[in-house]
Amino acid sequence: MSDSGIAKLVLFDLDGTLVDSAADLLNALNRILAREGKPTLPLATIRPVVSKGGRAMLRVAFPERDDAEREELLPPFLAAYAEAVAEHSTAFDGIEEVLGAIEGKGSRWGIVTNKPFYLAVGVVATLGWNERCAILLGADSLPKKKPDPDQLLHACERLGVTPAECIYVGDDERDIVAARAAGIKSVAALWGYREAHEDPRDWRADASAEFPRDLLKPGLLAA
């Protein structure tokens, strides 16, 4: 922990943690549904599984198809999303305040996501975070992704920080599993995307935050 009470490095998941990207992902998915002659879906249908990735969204949209058939739809879905990667995406309310507080205390922040790197870059650039984000790692940045700890450990190594000096904030169980495996304190982002049956208490995070601004409560971002 730095003298400021905030860890030297605070890492975040992207979708569902820093950014509400559900609308743009839904638009891309609805383009594929329309192409396949199926009715489009409302946001409420897809929102709970956004953090699970493209395959999970396609499972919701095409439940009658098997995995192999849905896999064929993944490239066109991602291509449609890439065309408007952050047209409607915004930082969750309070996130900018949190990032400013981290920077104001002399600490750094970065992003570790299972979103493909080329798509994550587009979101980060659109939000104006290029110069502020200390590191950005996507699903394909390393051979393994979350829930494996490799991305988190690599981020620490690249930035010269030990896992004990780092925090990871994420809205999905695999975020918490990866942090625990890396020896990094985890914070469950309860404002994010999750399905009705999921109980974040089962994830065994070190701490949790109901809303982004709750991260600024004393000690929550302290390693």
Protein backbone atom coordinates (compact mmCIF):
# COMPACT_ATOMS: atom_id res chain seq x y z
CA MET A 1 0.00 0.00 0.00
CA SER A 2 1.19 3.50 -0.75
CA ASP A 3 1.18 6.16 1.96
CA SER A 4 -2.04 7.52 0.46
CA GLY A 5 -4.20 4.61 1.65
CA ILE A 6 -4.68 3.44 -1.94
CA ALA A 7 -2.73 0.50 -3.36
CA LYS A 8 0.17 1.34 -5.66
CA LEU A 9 -1.70 -0.30 -8.54
CA VAL A 10 -5.46 -0.72 -8.95
CA LEU A 11 -6.45 -3.01 -11.82
CA PHE A 12 -9.98 -3.19 -13.18
CA ASP A 13 -12.02 -5.46 -15.39
CA LEU A 14 -13.53 -3.50 -18.28
CA ASP A 15 -17.11 -4.50 -19.23
CA GLY A 16 -19.45 -4.34 -16.27
CA THR A 17 -16.82 -2.82 -14.01
CA LEU A 18 -15.47 0.35 -15.59
CA VAL A 19 -17.73 0.57 -18.61
CA ASP A 20 -21.39 -0.06 -19.33
CA SER A 21 -20.99 -1.52 -22.82
CA ALA A 22 -24.18 -3.58 -22.98
CA ALA A 23 -26.01 -1.36 -25.48
CA ASP A 24 -23.25 -1.56 -28.10
CA LEU A 25 -22.93 -5.31 -27.68
CA LEU A 26 -26.69 -5.70 -27.99
CA ASN A 27 -26.74 -3.67 -31.19
CA ALA A 28 -24.10 -5.95 -32.71
CA LEU A 29 -25.94 -9.05 -31.55
CA ASN A 30 -29.22 -7.79 -32.97
CA ARG A 31 -27.55 -7.27 -36.33
CA ILE A 32 -26.64 -10.97 -36.36
CA LEU A 33 -30.13 -11.97 -35.24
CA ALA A 34 -31.67 -9.92 -38.04
CA ARG A 35 -29.27 -11.44 -40.56
CA GLU A 36 -30.32 -14.90 -39.38
CA GLY A 37 -34.02 -14.03 -39.70
CA LYS A 38 -34.70 -13.95 -35.97
CA PRO A 39 -36.40 -11.23 -33.91
CA THR A 40 -34.13 -8.82 -32.08
CA LEU A 41 -33.72 -8.89 -28.30
CA PRO A 42 -34.28 -6.23 -25.64
CA LEU A 43 -31.37 -5.05 -23.51
CA ALA A 44 -32.69 -6.76 -20.38
CA THR A 45 -32.31 -10.16 -22.05
CA ILE A 46 -28.62 -9.83 -22.80
CA ARG A 47 -27.35 -7.56 -20.03
CA PRO A 48 -26.90 -10.25 -17.32
CA VAL A 49 -24.42 -12.26 -19.44
CA VAL A 50 -22.36 -9.45 -20.98
CA SER A 51 -19.42 -10.12 -18.65
CA LYS A 52 -19.41 -13.77 -19.74
CA GLY A 53 -18.33 -12.78 -23.26
CA GLY A 54 -19.48 -13.19 -26.83
CA ARG A 55 -20.16 -16.92 -26.67
CA ALA A 56 -22.46 -16.45 -23.67
CA MET A 57 -24.38 -13.73 -25.50
CA LEU A 58 -24.75 -15.95 -28.54
CA ARG A 59 -26.05 -18.77 -26.33
CA VAL A 60 -28.82 -16.47 -25.15
CA ALA A 61 -29.61 -15.28 -28.66
CA PHE A 62 -29.45 -18.72 -30.33
CA PRO A 63 -30.41 -21.31 -27.69
CA GLU A 64 -31.64 -23.74 -30.35
CA ARG A 65 -28.21 -24.04 -31.97
CA ASP A 66 -25.32 -26.15 -30.77
CA ASP A 67 -21.89 -24.84 -29.78
CA ALA A 68 -20.35 -25.45 -33.19
CA GLU A 69 -23.12 -23.54 -34.97
CA ARG A 70 -22.86 -20.65 -32.55
CA GLU A 71 -19.09 -20.59 -32.93
CA GLU A 72 -19.57 -19.80 -36.61
CA LEU A 73 -21.50 -16.69 -35.58
CA LEU A 74 -18.80 -15.36 -33.28
CA PRO A 75 -16.56 -13.74 -35.95
CA PRO A 76 -19.43 -11.83 -37.62
CA PHE A 77 -20.74 -10.79 -34.19
CA LEU A 78 -17.34 -9.40 -33.19
CA ALA A 79 -16.96 -7.72 -36.58
CA ALA A 80 -20.32 -6.01 -36.17
CA TYR A 81 -19.34 -4.90 -32.69
CA ALA A 82 -15.97 -3.59 -33.89
CA GLU A 83 -17.75 -1.26 -36.32
CA ALA A 84 -19.37 0.61 -33.40
CA VAL A 85 -17.36 -0.50 -30.40
CA ALA A 86 -18.19 2.41 -28.12
CA GLU A 87 -20.99 4.36 -29.75
CA HIS A 88 -23.20 4.15 -26.67
CA SER A 89 -20.77 2.82 -24.06
CA THR A 90 -20.08 5.03 -21.06
CA ALA A 91 -18.15 4.83 -17.83
CA PHE A 92 -20.40 3.82 -14.96
CA ASP A 93 -21.51 6.71 -12.77
CA GLY A 94 -18.75 7.45 -10.28
CA ILE A 95 -15.94 5.70 -12.16
CA GLU A 96 -14.28 8.91 -13.32
CA GLU A 97 -14.28 10.12 -9.73
CA VAL A 98 -12.63 6.87 -8.61
CA LEU A 99 -9.97 7.01 -11.32
CA GLY A 100 -9.25 10.65 -10.49
CA ALA A 101 -8.85 9.79 -6.82
CA ILE A 102 -6.38 7.01 -7.61
CA GLU A 103 -4.34 9.35 -9.79
CA GLY A 104 -4.58 12.14 -7.26
CA LYS A 105 -2.95 9.94 -4.63
CA GLY A 106 -0.03 9.13 -6.91
CA SER A 107 -1.14 5.56 -7.60
CA ARG A 108 -1.67 3.98 -11.01
CA TRP A 109 -4.57 2.08 -12.54
CA GLY A 110 -4.89 -0.34 -15.42
CA ILE A 111 -7.28 -2.71 -17.16
CA VAL A 112 -7.20 -6.51 -17.36
CA THR A 113 -10.09 -7.83 -19.44
CA ASN A 114 -11.13 -10.96 -21.28
CA LYS A 115 -12.32 -8.78 -24.15
CA PRO A 116 -10.12 -9.18 -27.26
CA PHE A 117 -7.36 -6.58 -27.11
CA TYR A 118 -8.26 -4.83 -30.37
CA LEU A 119 -11.80 -4.24 -29.10
CA ALA A 120 -10.67 -3.13 -25.64
CA VAL A 121 -8.30 -0.61 -27.24
CA GLY A 122 -11.23 0.94 -29.09
CA VAL A 123 -13.28 1.35 -25.93
CA VAL A 124 -10.40 2.83 -23.94
CA ALA A 125 -9.53 5.27 -26.72
CA THR A 126 -13.13 6.42 -27.11
CA LEU A 127 -13.38 7.13 -23.40
CA GLY A 128 -10.18 9.17 -23.52
CA TRP A 129 -8.22 6.91 -21.20
CA ASN A 130 -5.20 6.14 -23.39
CA GLU A 131 -2.81 8.43 -21.55
CA ARG A 132 -4.20 7.61 -18.13
CA CYS A 133 -4.34 3.81 -18.21
CA ALA A 134 -0.99 2.39 -17.08
CA ILE A 135 -1.54 -0.99 -18.74
CA LEU A 136 -4.19 -2.68 -20.86
CA LEU A 137 -4.28 -6.46 -21.28
CA GLY A 138 -6.92 -8.27 -23.31
CA ALA A 139 -7.98 -11.88 -23.69
CA ASP A 140 -5.38 -12.50 -26.38
CA SER A 141 -2.51 -10.54 -24.84
CA LEU A 142 -1.17 -13.73 -23.22
CA PRO A 143 -1.73 -17.46 -23.82
CA LYS A 144 -4.01 -17.69 -20.78
CA LYS A 145 -6.78 -15.39 -19.58
CA LYS A 146 -8.96 -15.12 -16.47
CA PRO A 147 -9.72 -17.13 -14.37
CA ASP A 148 -6.02 -17.94 -14.73
CA PRO A 149 -3.88 -15.39 -12.88
CA ASP A 150 -1.35 -14.82 -15.66
CA GLN A 151 -2.71 -11.47 -16.89
CA LEU A 152 -2.75 -10.00 -13.40
CA LEU A 153 0.73 -11.23 -12.58
CA HIS A 154 2.03 -9.93 -15.89
CA ALA A 155 0.54 -6.49 -15.22
CA CYS A 156 2.25 -6.35 -11.84
CA GLU A 157 5.58 -7.44 -13.30
CA ARG A 158 5.40 -4.94 -16.16
CA LEU A 159 4.71 -2.08 -13.78
CA GLY A 160 7.18 -3.10 -11.11
CA VAL A 161 4.58 -3.80 -8.44
CA THR A 162 4.24 -6.88 -6.26
CA PRO A 163 0.87 -8.65 -6.06
CA ALA A 164 0.67 -7.59 -2.42
CA GLU A 165 0.74 -3.96 -3.57
CA CYS A 166 -2.12 -4.41 -6.04
CA ILE A 167 -5.93 -4.51 -6.03
CA TYR A 168 -8.21 -6.06 -8.66
CA VAL A 169 -11.82 -4.93 -9.11
CA GLY A 170 -14.20 -7.03 -11.20
CA ASP A 171 -17.87 -7.93 -11.60
CA ASP A 172 -17.55 -11.62 -12.45
CA GLU A 173 -16.54 -14.68 -10.43
CA ARG A 174 -13.58 -15.38 -12.72
CA ASP A 175 -12.19 -11.95 -11.78
CA ILE A 176 -12.17 -12.91 -8.13
CA VAL A 177 -10.76 -16.39 -8.84
CA ALA A 178 -7.92 -14.90 -10.89
CA ALA A 179 -7.07 -12.34 -8.22
CA ARG A 180 -7.02 -14.97 -5.48
CA ALA A 181 -4.73 -17.20 -7.56
CA ALA A 182 -2.41 -14.24 -8.14
CA GLY A 183 -2.25 -13.31 -4.46
CA ILE A 184 -3.97 -9.99 -5.17
CA LYS A 185 -6.70 -8.44 -3.03
CA SER A 186 -10.04 -8.65 -4.86
CA VAL A 187 -13.04 -6.35 -4.79
CA ALA A 188 -16.36 -7.53 -6.24
CA ALA A 189 -18.09 -4.82 -8.28
CA LEU A 190 -21.74 -5.42 -7.42
CA TRP A 191 -23.02 -2.84 -9.91
CA GLY A 192 -21.89 -4.99 -12.84
CA TYR A 193 -23.45 -7.68 -15.01
CA ARG A 194 -24.50 -10.97 -13.50
CA GLU A 195 -27.25 -13.52 -13.83
CA ALA A 196 -30.07 -13.83 -11.28
CA HIS A 197 -28.75 -17.11 -9.88
CA GLU A 198 -25.29 -15.71 -9.16
CA ASP A 199 -24.51 -14.69 -5.58
CA PRO A 200 -21.30 -12.66 -5.29
CA ARG A 201 -20.94 -13.81 -1.68
CA ASP A 202 -20.08 -17.25 -3.09
CA TRP A 203 -17.10 -15.76 -4.91
CA ARG A 204 -15.23 -15.12 -1.63
CA ALA A 205 -13.89 -11.72 -2.66
CA ASP A 206 -11.84 -9.85 -0.09
CA ALA A 207 -14.26 -6.92 -0.27
CA SER A 208 -17.23 -5.71 -2.28
CA ALA A 209 -18.65 -2.39 -3.45
CA GLU A 210 -22.31 -1.75 -4.20
CA PHE A 211 -21.58 1.30 -6.36
CA PRO A 212 -18.39 2.69 -7.94
CA ARG A 213 -18.09 5.55 -5.45
CA ASP A 214 -18.08 2.99 -2.63
CA LEU A 215 -14.56 2.12 -3.76
CA LEU A 216 -13.50 5.43 -2.19
CA LYS A 217 -14.54 4.31 1.29
CA PRO A 218 -11.54 4.17 3.64
CA GLY A 219 -9.49 1.02 3.22
CA LEU A 220 -11.40 -0.49 0.30
CA LEU A 221 -8.66 0.19 -2.26
CA ALA A 222 -5.86 -0.39 0.24
CA ALA A 223 -3.83 -3.48 -0.54
